[in-house]
Each structure stands twice: as C-alpha cells, then as structure tokens.
C-alpha cells in the first residue's frame, strides 16, 4: 500500500502505474525525476493518497496465489 516514485528504466514502468501506484518520471534524468517528485508532493499536499489503489493492484496483479499459478503454468510448459 505504499506508492513509489520511479524512473522509466528496467522493469519500473511495468510496475509503476501513474496515478494508481505512484509517480513515474517521463525520462531517466534528474530534471524529469524532480518534476515527478514535485507532482507527487503536490498530490500528497492536496490530500491525494494512493494507498488503497496500490494495495488493490498489488494483491490483484502480484498476489501469491497468482504467482504460484503462473509458475505452475511455466513449469508445465517446459515438460
């Protein structure tokens, strides 16, 4: 349930959903990160909370039962 601030590198863009699970810089540089941080601070100051949506998305997309099913499917496909 904790929103994050990230840069668009590696797998971060697949995990951070702007407005739902956190804030994502538009580019991988300090100016873009500063802009995203400013946006996050303004949202937080305005009372915006992403805790509920973060938790819901984490449980729905990355829950342990779903992970187990995905691993089972992967291992079955390798037989």
Protein backbone atom coordinates (compact mmCIF):
# COMPACT_ATOMS: atom_id res chain seq x y z
CA UNK A 1 0.00 0.00 0.00
CA UNK A 2 2.95 2.35 -0.36
CA UNK A 3 3.12 4.40 -3.57
CA UNK A 4 6.51 4.84 -5.22
CA UNK A 5 8.39 7.35 -7.31
CA UNK A 6 10.44 5.85 -10.14
CA UNK A 7 12.27 6.41 -13.37
CA UNK A 8 11.42 4.70 -16.68
CA UNK A 9 14.24 2.15 -16.62
CA UNK A 10 14.31 -1.63 -16.35
CA UNK A 11 11.01 -3.08 -15.20
CA UNK A 12 9.92 0.02 -13.31
CA UNK A 13 7.44 1.25 -15.97
CA UNK A 14 5.63 -2.09 -15.80
CA UNK A 15 5.22 -1.80 -12.03
CA UNK A 16 4.51 1.90 -11.52
CA UNK A 17 1.10 2.93 -12.77
CA UNK A 18 0.94 6.72 -12.63
CA UNK A 19 -1.97 7.94 -10.56
CA UNK A 20 -2.59 4.45 -9.16
CA UNK A 21 0.61 3.04 -7.65
CA UNK A 22 2.88 6.06 -7.72
CA UNK A 23 4.59 8.60 -9.91
CA UNK A 24 6.83 7.88 -12.89
CA UNK A 25 9.35 10.32 -14.32
CA UNK A 26 8.91 10.90 -18.05
CA UNK A 27 12.61 10.31 -18.74
CA UNK A 28 15.60 8.82 -16.92
CA UNK A 29 17.25 12.06 -15.88
CA UNK A 30 17.36 14.28 -12.81
CA UNK A 31 15.14 17.02 -14.25
CA UNK A 32 12.35 14.56 -15.03
CA UNK A 33 12.72 12.95 -11.60
CA UNK A 34 12.49 16.39 -9.99
CA UNK A 35 9.30 17.09 -11.94
CA UNK A 36 7.75 13.77 -10.88
CA UNK A 37 8.74 14.38 -7.26
CA UNK A 38 7.18 17.86 -7.36
CA UNK A 39 3.98 16.33 -8.75
CA UNK A 40 3.98 13.71 -6.00
CA UNK A 41 4.50 16.30 -3.27
CA UNK A 42 1.69 18.48 -4.66
CA UNK A 43 -0.64 15.46 -4.83
CA UNK A 44 0.20 14.47 -1.26
CA UNK A 45 -0.22 18.04 0.00
CA UNK A 46 -3.64 18.12 -1.68
CA UNK A 47 -4.63 15.00 0.26
CA UNK A 48 -4.32 12.52 -2.57
CA UNK A 49 -3.50 9.07 -1.32
CA UNK A 50 -2.72 6.08 -3.47
CA UNK A 51 -2.52 3.56 -0.62
CA UNK A 52 -5.80 1.82 -1.39
CA UNK A 53 -5.19 1.55 -5.13
CA UNK A 54 -1.58 0.42 -4.54
CA UNK A 55 -2.71 -2.37 -2.24
CA UNK A 56 -5.56 -3.48 -4.51
CA UNK A 57 -3.34 -3.62 -7.61
CA UNK A 58 -0.56 -5.43 -5.74
CA UNK A 59 -2.98 -8.08 -4.48
CA UNK A 60 -4.69 -8.44 -7.87
CA UNK A 61 -1.63 -8.49 -10.12
CA UNK A 62 1.08 -9.92 -7.85
CA UNK A 63 -0.70 -12.00 -5.21
CA UNK A 64 0.97 -15.19 -4.02
CA UNK A 65 -1.76 -17.44 -5.43
CA UNK A 66 -1.46 -15.84 -8.86
CA UNK A 67 2.32 -16.16 -8.76
CA UNK A 68 2.01 -19.85 -7.88
CA UNK A 69 -0.38 -20.43 -10.81
CA UNK A 70 1.96 -18.62 -13.17
CA UNK A 71 4.96 -20.67 -12.00
CA UNK A 72 2.94 -23.86 -12.37
CA UNK A 73 1.98 -22.89 -15.93
CA UNK A 74 5.58 -22.04 -16.75
CA UNK A 75 6.96 -25.29 -15.37
CA UNK A 76 4.22 -27.32 -17.06
CA UNK A 77 5.03 -25.69 -20.39
CA UNK A 78 8.65 -26.83 -20.01
CA UNK A 79 7.76 -30.52 -19.82
